Protein backbone atom coordinates (compact mmCIF):
# COMPACT_ATOMS: atom_id res chain seq x y z
CA MET A 1 -0.01 -0.02 0.01
CA GLU A 2 2.15 2.92 1.24
CA ASN A 3 5.94 3.00 1.23
CA ALA A 4 8.00 4.83 3.85
CA GLY A 5 10.71 5.76 1.40
CA VAL A 6 13.26 3.99 3.59
CA THR A 7 16.69 3.75 1.96
CA ARG A 8 18.28 1.19 4.30
CA GLU A 9 18.14 -2.42 3.10
CA LYS A 10 15.89 -4.63 5.17
CA LYS A 11 17.27 -7.99 6.20
CA ARG A 12 13.78 -9.15 7.18
CA PRO A 13 10.21 -7.85 6.98
CA TRP A 14 9.49 -5.02 9.39
CA THR A 15 6.54 -5.72 11.67
CA GLY A 16 4.21 -2.91 12.64
CA LEU A 17 2.05 -3.02 15.77
CA VAL A 18 -1.08 -0.89 15.61
CA LEU A 19 -3.01 -0.12 18.79
CA SER A 20 -6.53 1.31 18.81
CA GLY A 21 -8.21 3.72 21.20
CA GLY A 22 -10.94 3.27 23.78
CA GLY A 23 -10.13 4.46 27.31
CA ALA A 24 -10.26 1.70 29.91
CA ARG A 25 -10.89 -0.82 27.15
CA GLY A 26 -7.14 -0.57 26.43
CA ALA A 27 -6.50 -3.31 28.98
CA TYR A 28 -7.52 -5.71 26.22
CA GLU A 29 -4.40 -4.70 24.27
CA ALA A 30 -2.20 -5.63 27.26
CA GLY A 31 -3.79 -9.11 27.25
CA VAL A 32 -2.93 -9.70 23.59
CA ILE A 33 0.67 -8.65 24.12
CA GLN A 34 0.90 -10.90 27.19
CA TYR A 35 -0.29 -13.86 25.11
CA LEU A 36 2.26 -13.16 22.39
CA ARG A 37 5.11 -12.90 24.86
CA THR A 38 4.24 -15.85 27.15
CA GLN A 39 1.98 -18.42 25.44
CA LEU A 40 3.45 -19.05 22.02
CA PRO A 41 6.15 -21.63 21.19
CA PRO A 42 9.63 -20.36 22.15
CA GLU A 43 10.84 -20.46 18.55
CA ILE A 44 7.96 -18.17 17.53
CA GLN A 45 8.38 -15.83 20.48
CA LYS A 46 11.98 -15.22 19.34
CA LYS A 47 10.68 -14.03 15.98
CA ILE A 48 8.23 -11.50 17.41
CA HIS A 49 9.87 -8.11 17.17
CA PHE A 50 8.00 -4.86 16.72
CA ASP A 51 9.93 -2.55 14.39
CA ILE A 52 7.19 0.06 14.11
CA ILE A 53 4.71 0.87 16.85
CA SER A 54 1.71 3.16 16.19
CA GLY A 55 -1.07 4.05 18.60
CA THR A 56 -3.84 6.44 19.32
CA SER A 57 -5.83 7.36 22.47
CA VAL A 58 -5.20 4.74 25.16
CA GLY A 59 -3.34 2.82 22.47
CA ALA A 60 -0.78 5.62 22.42
CA ILE A 61 -0.12 5.16 26.15
CA ASN A 62 0.27 1.40 25.68
CA ALA A 63 2.42 1.99 22.60
CA CYS A 64 4.83 4.20 24.52
CA PHE A 65 5.24 1.58 27.26
CA LEU A 66 6.02 -1.09 24.67
CA ALA A 67 8.40 1.20 22.80
CA ALA A 68 10.32 1.99 26.01
CA ASN A 69 10.65 -1.74 26.67
CA ASN A 70 11.23 -2.98 23.14
CA HIS A 71 14.74 -4.05 24.11
CA VAL A 72 13.36 -6.39 26.78
CA PRO A 73 10.45 -8.09 24.94
CA LYS A 74 9.96 -10.87 27.50
CA ILE A 75 8.68 -8.46 30.13
CA GLN A 76 6.45 -6.35 27.85
CA GLY A 77 3.26 -8.33 28.24
CA LYS A 78 3.37 -9.16 31.95
CA ALA A 79 4.61 -5.72 32.98
CA LEU A 80 1.94 -3.90 30.99
CA SER A 81 -0.81 -6.20 32.30
CA MET A 82 0.44 -5.72 35.83
CA ILE A 83 0.12 -1.95 35.49
CA TRP A 84 -3.47 -2.31 34.31
CA GLU A 85 -4.37 -4.83 37.04
CA ARG A 86 -3.09 -2.52 39.79
CA LEU A 87 -5.35 0.38 38.80
CA ARG A 88 -8.08 1.64 41.15
CA ILE A 89 -10.73 4.17 40.24
CA GLU A 90 -9.83 6.53 43.08
CA GLY A 91 -6.18 6.27 42.02
CA VAL A 92 -6.99 7.42 38.52
CA TYR A 93 -9.42 10.28 39.06
CA GLN A 94 -9.26 13.13 41.50
CA MET A 95 -12.49 14.89 42.34
CA GLY A 96 -13.36 17.01 45.32
CA TRP A 97 -15.39 20.13 45.92
CA ARG A 98 -12.84 22.21 43.97
CA GLU A 99 -13.59 20.16 40.84
CA VAL A 100 -17.32 20.42 41.48
CA ALA A 101 -17.03 24.18 41.82
CA ASN A 102 -15.17 24.31 38.48
CA LEU A 103 -17.97 22.53 36.58
CA PRO A 104 -19.95 25.70 35.72
CA ARG A 105 -16.78 27.29 34.33
CA PHE A 106 -16.12 24.12 32.31
CA LEU A 107 -19.63 24.18 30.87
CA LEU A 108 -19.80 27.93 30.23
CA GLY A 109 -16.21 28.54 29.20
CA SER A 110 -13.39 30.62 30.65
CA ARG A 111 -11.17 33.46 29.55
CA GLY A 112 -7.55 32.59 28.83
CA ARG A 113 -5.57 29.41 29.09
CA GLY A 114 -4.63 27.77 32.32
CA THR A 115 -7.28 29.62 34.35
CA LEU A 116 -9.94 26.95 34.17
CA ASP A 117 -8.04 24.12 35.84
CA SER A 118 -4.99 25.59 37.55
CA THR A 119 -4.62 22.36 39.51
CA LEU A 120 -3.76 20.59 36.22
CA GLY A 121 -0.95 22.93 35.33
CA PRO A 122 -0.64 25.79 32.82
CA GLY A 123 -2.19 25.54 29.40
CA ARG A 124 -4.84 22.96 30.32
CA LEU A 125 -8.50 23.14 29.53
CA GLY A 126 -10.36 20.81 31.84
CA GLY A 127 -12.81 17.99 31.22
CA LEU A 128 -15.56 16.71 33.44
CA LEU A 129 -13.02 14.62 35.42
CA ASN A 130 -9.69 15.58 36.90
CA THR A 131 -7.30 12.86 35.74
CA LEU A 132 -4.23 14.22 37.46
CA PRO A 133 -3.47 10.89 39.24
CA LEU A 134 -3.62 9.00 35.94
CA GLU A 135 -1.38 11.55 34.27
CA GLN A 136 1.16 11.22 37.09
CA LEU A 137 1.09 7.46 36.62
CA VAL A 138 1.73 7.84 32.88
CA ARG A 139 4.63 10.24 33.46
CA ARG A 140 6.27 8.22 36.24
CA GLY A 141 5.32 4.69 35.22
CA ASN A 142 7.28 4.56 32.00
CA ARG A 143 11.02 4.82 31.20
CA TRP A 144 10.47 7.56 28.66
CA ARG A 145 14.13 8.08 27.75
CA TYR A 146 14.31 4.47 26.55
CA ILE A 147 12.02 5.23 23.63
CA SER A 148 14.72 7.43 22.08
CA LYS A 149 17.43 4.96 23.12
CA ASN A 150 15.67 2.08 21.34
CA ILE A 151 15.02 4.21 18.25
CA LYS A 152 18.57 5.53 18.06
CA SER A 153 19.96 2.01 18.45
CA GLY A 154 17.72 0.66 15.67
CA ASN A 155 15.99 -1.76 18.02
CA LEU A 156 12.83 0.22 17.23
CA ARG A 157 12.72 1.70 13.71
CA GLY A 158 10.02 4.24 14.47
CA MET A 159 6.79 5.06 16.28
CA ALA A 160 3.83 7.35 15.74
CA LEU A 161 1.05 8.76 17.89
CA ASN A 162 -2.06 10.57 16.70
CA ALA A 163 -3.76 13.52 18.40
CA THR A 164 -6.53 15.87 17.29
CA HIS A 165 -5.47 19.53 16.96
CA ILE A 166 -8.36 21.35 18.63
CA ALA A 167 -8.02 24.68 16.77
CA SER A 168 -8.10 23.15 13.26
CA GLY A 169 -9.77 19.78 13.87
CA LYS A 170 -6.95 18.10 11.93
CA THR A 171 -5.11 14.94 12.90
CA HIS A 172 -1.52 15.65 13.92
CA VAL A 173 0.82 12.71 13.78
CA PHE A 174 3.83 12.86 16.10
CA ALA A 175 6.51 10.51 14.83
CA GLN A 176 10.08 9.58 15.75
CA THR A 177 12.35 7.56 13.47
CA THR A 178 15.80 6.05 13.45
CA GLU A 179 16.69 8.21 10.44
CA GLY A 180 15.77 11.34 12.35
CA VAL A 181 13.50 12.63 9.58
CA LEU A 182 9.99 11.95 8.37
CA PRO A 183 9.51 9.79 5.25
CA ALA A 184 7.11 10.91 2.50
CA TRP A 185 3.77 11.48 4.18
CA SER A 186 0.10 11.70 3.27
CA THR A 187 -1.15 14.47 1.01
CA ASP A 188 -4.44 14.51 2.94
CA PRO A 189 -5.01 18.17 3.98
CA GLN A 190 -6.64 16.95 7.21
CA VAL A 191 -3.42 15.22 8.36
CA ALA A 192 -0.14 16.83 9.35
CA ALA A 193 2.98 14.96 10.50
CA PHE A 194 5.76 16.17 12.75
CA HIS A 195 9.06 14.53 13.63
CA THR A 196 9.70 14.94 17.37
CA GLU A 197 11.07 13.19 20.39
CA ILE A 198 8.10 11.29 21.79
CA GLY A 199 7.31 12.10 25.40
CA PRO A 200 4.46 11.78 27.94
CA ASN A 201 2.60 14.88 26.71
CA HIS A 202 2.19 13.30 23.26
CA ALA A 203 0.66 10.18 24.79
CA LEU A 204 -1.59 12.15 27.12
CA ALA A 205 -2.76 14.41 24.30
CA SER A 206 -3.66 11.41 22.16
CA ALA A 207 -5.66 9.91 25.07
CA ALA A 208 -7.52 13.06 26.14
CA ILE A 209 -11.11 11.90 25.60
CA PRO A 210 -13.13 15.04 24.74
CA TRP A 211 -15.51 16.40 27.38
CA VAL A 212 -14.27 13.86 29.90
CA PHE A 213 -10.47 14.32 30.14
CA PRO A 214 -8.55 17.62 30.05
CA SER A 215 -6.89 18.63 26.80
CA VAL A 216 -3.11 18.79 26.61
CA GLU A 217 -0.87 21.56 25.33
CA ILE A 218 2.08 20.80 23.07
CA ASP A 219 4.22 23.61 21.70
CA GLY A 220 1.55 26.17 22.50
CA GLU A 221 -1.29 24.24 20.83
CA LEU A 222 -4.09 22.31 22.50
CA TYR A 223 -4.86 18.69 21.61
CA CYS A 224 -7.41 16.06 22.47
CA ASP A 225 -8.07 12.41 21.67
CA GLY A 226 -6.62 11.22 18.35
CA SER A 227 -9.52 8.78 17.89
CA LEU A 228 -11.77 11.56 16.67
CA LYS A 229 -10.29 11.32 13.20
CA GLN A 230 -7.96 8.31 13.14
CA ASN A 231 -8.73 5.64 15.73
CA THR A 232 -6.73 2.85 14.12
CA PRO A 233 -3.51 4.45 12.93
CA ILE A 234 -2.59 2.04 10.11
CA SER A 235 -1.31 4.71 7.70
CA PRO A 236 1.45 6.07 9.96
CA ALA A 237 2.76 2.52 10.55
CA LEU A 238 2.95 1.96 6.79
CA ARG A 239 4.55 5.33 6.14
CA LEU A 240 7.23 4.43 8.66
CA GLY A 241 8.08 1.29 6.72
CA ALA A 242 6.07 -1.61 8.14
CA ASP A 243 5.82 -4.58 5.75
CA ARG A 244 3.25 -6.44 7.83
CA LEU A 245 0.78 -5.22 10.43
CA LEU A 246 -0.55 -6.72 13.60
CA MET A 247 -3.61 -4.68 14.62
CA ILE A 248 -5.41 -4.97 17.96
CA GLY A 249 -8.98 -3.76 17.75
CA LEU A 250 -11.30 -2.97 20.64
CA GLN A 251 -14.61 -3.88 19.02
CA PRO A 252 -15.85 -7.26 17.68
CA GLU A 253 -15.98 -7.84 13.98
CA ARG A 254 -19.29 -6.91 12.43
CA ASN A 255 -19.92 -8.85 9.22
CA LYS A 256 -23.47 -7.62 8.78
CA PRO A 257 -25.02 -4.19 9.39
CA SER A 258 -27.05 -4.15 12.59
CA VAL A 259 -30.83 -3.92 12.27
CA ILE A 260 -32.83 -2.24 15.01
CA GLN A 261 -35.79 -4.35 16.02
CA ALA A 262 -39.09 -2.89 17.12
CA ASP A 263 -38.73 -4.51 20.52
CA ASP A 264 -35.15 -3.41 21.02
CA PRO A 265 -35.04 -2.11 24.61
CA GLU A 266 -32.85 0.80 23.55
CA THR A 267 -35.64 2.12 21.32
CA VAL A 268 -38.26 1.97 24.09
CA ASP A 269 -36.74 4.55 26.43
CA HIS A 270 -37.84 7.88 24.99
CA PHE A 271 -36.06 9.80 27.72
CA PRO A 272 -32.50 8.44 27.81
CA SER A 273 -30.21 9.73 30.52
CA ALA A 274 -27.31 12.06 29.91
CA VAL A 275 -25.00 9.22 30.89
CA TYR A 276 -26.50 7.03 28.20
CA LEU A 277 -26.23 9.76 25.56
CA LEU A 278 -22.62 10.61 26.45
CA GLY A 279 -21.71 6.94 26.26
CA LYS A 280 -23.29 6.65 22.82
CA ILE A 281 -21.60 9.86 21.67
CA LEU A 282 -18.20 8.56 22.75
CA SER A 283 -18.83 5.19 21.09
CA ALA A 284 -19.76 6.97 17.84
CA THR A 285 -16.91 9.46 18.10
CA LEU A 286 -14.18 7.03 19.12
CA VAL A 287 -15.37 4.23 16.87
CA ASP A 288 -12.82 1.55 16.06
CA LYS A 289 -12.11 1.79 12.33
CA THR A 290 -10.20 -1.49 12.11
CA GLU A 291 -12.71 -3.14 9.75
CA TYR A 292 -12.74 -0.18 7.34
CA ASP A 293 -8.94 0.05 7.27
CA MET A 294 -8.62 -3.74 6.85
CA LYS A 295 -11.01 -3.79 3.91
CA ARG A 296 -9.12 -0.90 2.33
CA LEU A 297 -5.85 -2.82 2.67
CA GLN A 298 -7.46 -5.93 1.22
CA ARG A 299 -8.67 -3.94 -1.82
CA PHE A 300 -5.18 -2.63 -2.51
CA ASN A 301 -3.71 -6.12 -2.13
CA ALA A 302 -6.36 -7.52 -4.50
CA LEU A 303 -5.61 -4.74 -6.99
CA LEU A 304 -1.90 -5.56 -6.99
CA ASP A 305 -2.59 -9.30 -7.35
CA ALA A 306 -5.00 -8.77 -10.22
CA GLY A 307 -2.66 -6.36 -11.99
CA THR A 308 0.29 -8.74 -11.65
CA GLU A 309 -1.81 -11.62 -13.00
CA ALA A 310 -3.03 -9.54 -15.97
CA TYR A 311 0.14 -7.59 -16.86
CA GLY A 312 3.03 -9.53 -15.36
CA PRO A 313 5.42 -9.08 -12.44
CA GLU A 314 6.48 -5.59 -13.56
CA PHE A 315 2.95 -4.23 -12.90
CA GLU A 316 3.58 -3.46 -9.23
CA ASP A 317 6.79 -1.54 -9.94
CA ARG A 318 5.22 0.50 -12.75
CA LEU A 319 2.16 1.32 -10.71
CA GLY A 320 4.41 2.21 -7.79
CA GLN A 321 6.39 4.71 -9.88
CA VAL A 322 3.21 6.49 -10.98
CA MET A 323 1.68 6.54 -7.48
CA LYS A 324 4.90 7.78 -5.91
CA ARG A 325 4.81 10.86 -8.17
CA MET A 326 1.17 11.44 -7.24
CA ARG A 327 1.17 10.80 -3.50
CA GLY A 328 4.77 10.47 -2.36
CA ALA A 329 4.62 6.70 -1.88
CA PRO A 330 3.83 3.66 -4.02
CA PHE A 331 1.27 0.94 -3.31
CA ARG A 332 2.66 -2.36 -1.99
CA LYS A 333 1.22 -5.55 -0.61
CA ILE A 334 0.88 -5.67 3.17
CA LYS A 335 0.45 -8.82 5.26
CA THR A 336 -2.09 -8.21 8.03
CA LEU A 337 -3.47 -9.88 11.15
CA VAL A 338 -6.23 -8.46 13.37
CA ILE A 339 -7.00 -9.60 16.91
CA ARG A 340 -10.15 -8.20 18.44
CA PRO A 341 -12.73 -9.01 21.11
CA SER A 342 -15.02 -11.98 20.54
CA GLU A 343 -17.75 -10.19 22.50
CA GLU A 344 -18.84 -6.61 23.11
CA ILE A 345 -16.70 -5.06 25.82
CA THR A 346 -19.82 -3.30 27.06
CA GLN A 347 -21.13 -6.74 28.08
CA VAL A 348 -18.08 -7.23 30.27
CA THR A 349 -18.71 -3.78 31.73
CA LEU A 350 -22.37 -4.60 32.37
CA ARG A 351 -21.46 -7.76 34.26
CA HIS A 352 -19.23 -5.73 36.60
CA ILE A 353 -21.94 -3.09 37.02
CA ASN A 354 -24.46 -5.78 37.99
CA GLU A 355 -22.03 -7.49 40.36
CA GLY A 356 -21.28 -4.16 41.98
CA THR A 357 -18.00 -5.11 43.60
CA ILE A 358 -15.84 -2.50 41.83
CA LEU A 359 -18.26 0.37 42.31
CA SER A 360 -19.06 -0.53 45.93
CA ARG A 361 -15.39 -0.20 46.98
CA ALA A 362 -14.64 2.87 44.88
CA GLY A 363 -14.11 5.69 47.30
CA GLY A 364 -14.50 9.44 47.18
CA LEU A 365 -16.76 11.61 45.13
CA VAL A 366 -15.83 9.86 41.87
CA GLY A 367 -16.95 6.51 43.30
CA SER A 368 -20.24 8.08 44.31
CA ILE A 369 -20.73 9.55 40.83
CA PHE A 370 -20.01 6.22 39.14
CA ARG A 371 -22.47 4.45 41.45
CA ARG A 372 -25.14 6.98 40.57
CA MET A 373 -24.45 6.33 36.89
CA ALA A 374 -24.91 2.58 37.42
CA ASP A 375 -28.04 3.08 39.54
CA ARG A 376 -29.67 4.90 36.63
CA GLY A 377 -29.54 1.56 34.79
CA GLY A 378 -26.53 -0.62 34.09
CA ASP A 379 -27.44 -1.01 30.41
CA GLN A 380 -27.57 2.77 30.05
CA ALA A 381 -24.24 3.29 31.81
CA SER A 382 -22.28 0.42 30.31
CA ASP A 383 -21.10 2.34 27.21
CA LEU A 384 -19.73 5.30 29.15
CA LEU A 385 -18.25 3.22 32.01
CA SER A 386 -16.52 0.90 29.51
CA TYR A 387 -14.29 3.92 28.74
CA LEU A 388 -13.95 5.19 32.30
CA LEU A 389 -13.69 2.08 34.48
CA PHE A 390 -9.95 2.18 35.08
CA ASP A 391 -9.93 -0.58 37.68
CA GLY A 392 -7.73 -3.65 38.04
CA GLU A 393 -10.57 -6.14 38.45
CA TYR A 394 -12.25 -4.92 35.27
CA ALA A 395 -8.88 -4.78 33.47
CA ALA A 396 -8.09 -8.36 34.52
CA ASP A 397 -11.27 -9.58 32.85
CA LEU A 398 -10.42 -7.74 29.65
CA ILE A 399 -6.90 -9.18 29.75
CA GLN A 400 -8.26 -12.70 30.13
CA LEU A 401 -10.73 -12.11 27.29
CA ALA A 402 -7.83 -10.93 25.09
CA MET A 403 -5.74 -13.98 25.91
CA ARG A 404 -8.64 -16.29 25.05
CA ASP A 405 -9.24 -14.46 21.79
CA ALA A 406 -5.55 -14.57 20.87
CA HIS A 407 -5.47 -18.29 21.68
CA ALA A 408 -8.40 -18.82 19.32
CA GLN A 409 -6.20 -17.34 16.57
CA ARG A 410 -3.07 -19.18 17.69
CA GLU A 411 -2.34 -20.83 14.34
CA GLU A 412 -2.91 -17.57 12.45
CA ILE A 413 -0.50 -15.79 14.80
CA ILE A 414 2.16 -18.47 14.38
CA ALA A 415 1.82 -18.34 10.57
CA PHE A 416 2.00 -14.53 10.66
CA PHE A 417 5.37 -14.46 12.50
CA GLU A 418 6.79 -17.75 11.15
CA ASP A 419 8.03 -16.18 7.92
CA ASN A 420 10.81 -13.94 9.21
């Protein structure tokens, strides 16, 4: 599909890892990585090396942890899962009467930057929740300098994170490469790429869910969640030189369009709660685009196969020369593998809401708010809480679901990495 314009000769195919967005649902990604690093045959585990890592939203945070530990692959899965399993709601969100008092200013606006949520630091525009504890965990819980070390050593060829530039609404891609420069990039006017040293602010900006989490300032500009425009960042991984892609999605595959039945309980409630509406808005806004991107890749692969069959082996090179003049990169065949949930994550959330153990022990004002959400009706709160339930017990269930789903694709995974 897209070529990175890399001049160095590749001794083996470069593997790209693509991580999607979805708030607390990101624990699922940790489970897939844990399976790859601990449950596959030793000879296959040795072949699993991520050359390119691309992420958005919570996938950006996970991506940065993996990039910082790319030189110690054996610990990647267990260490990332351990971080998720140690989370507690009250250790992620901070809310007291100061935050409550700030709500009217959040809803009605405020003059100047940094005045709305001074507790979050300068240049921050607040969301409904104060996520300062989570941000401190992100900043302190990762060996950030090792990202650059791994990239400079060539252990990691490059990485990319997506964030939405609030002023323009465009997707800004923050990338770092071994070559120290960006390859040819997209001509899409809605996408801009910048070569930079990846740090915690880039990850936090990508994961700043609109309305809920505070936006993040980078170089004087405000950013929010990258999922608004580019939830599954396949294109940056390809631009950086990936020859094959492992994508972890956070929604089940949908082969057929859903049909709303007359007796669907969601169509009966004519007065849905604000919690229900916000959850649905987030699901629509942060939708996982894995299926669309996969079909697009498959169409390009089919085009190259058909052209080669009709016009001979030189077809791909000739087409590539034309497309490179037009768009800065030729088309090329990309090997892909997608691992995604076998069930809706909202169903996992709903089970935890009905059991009540997580919410009953959640302390402080945030715990009280979450319990009120659940009391309004678990089915109405499950969408929103599936993004916000940063708790180890919930994360552990998503990790186990991911490991089961990866095991169900065990032979596909082995075949994907076997040719190295």
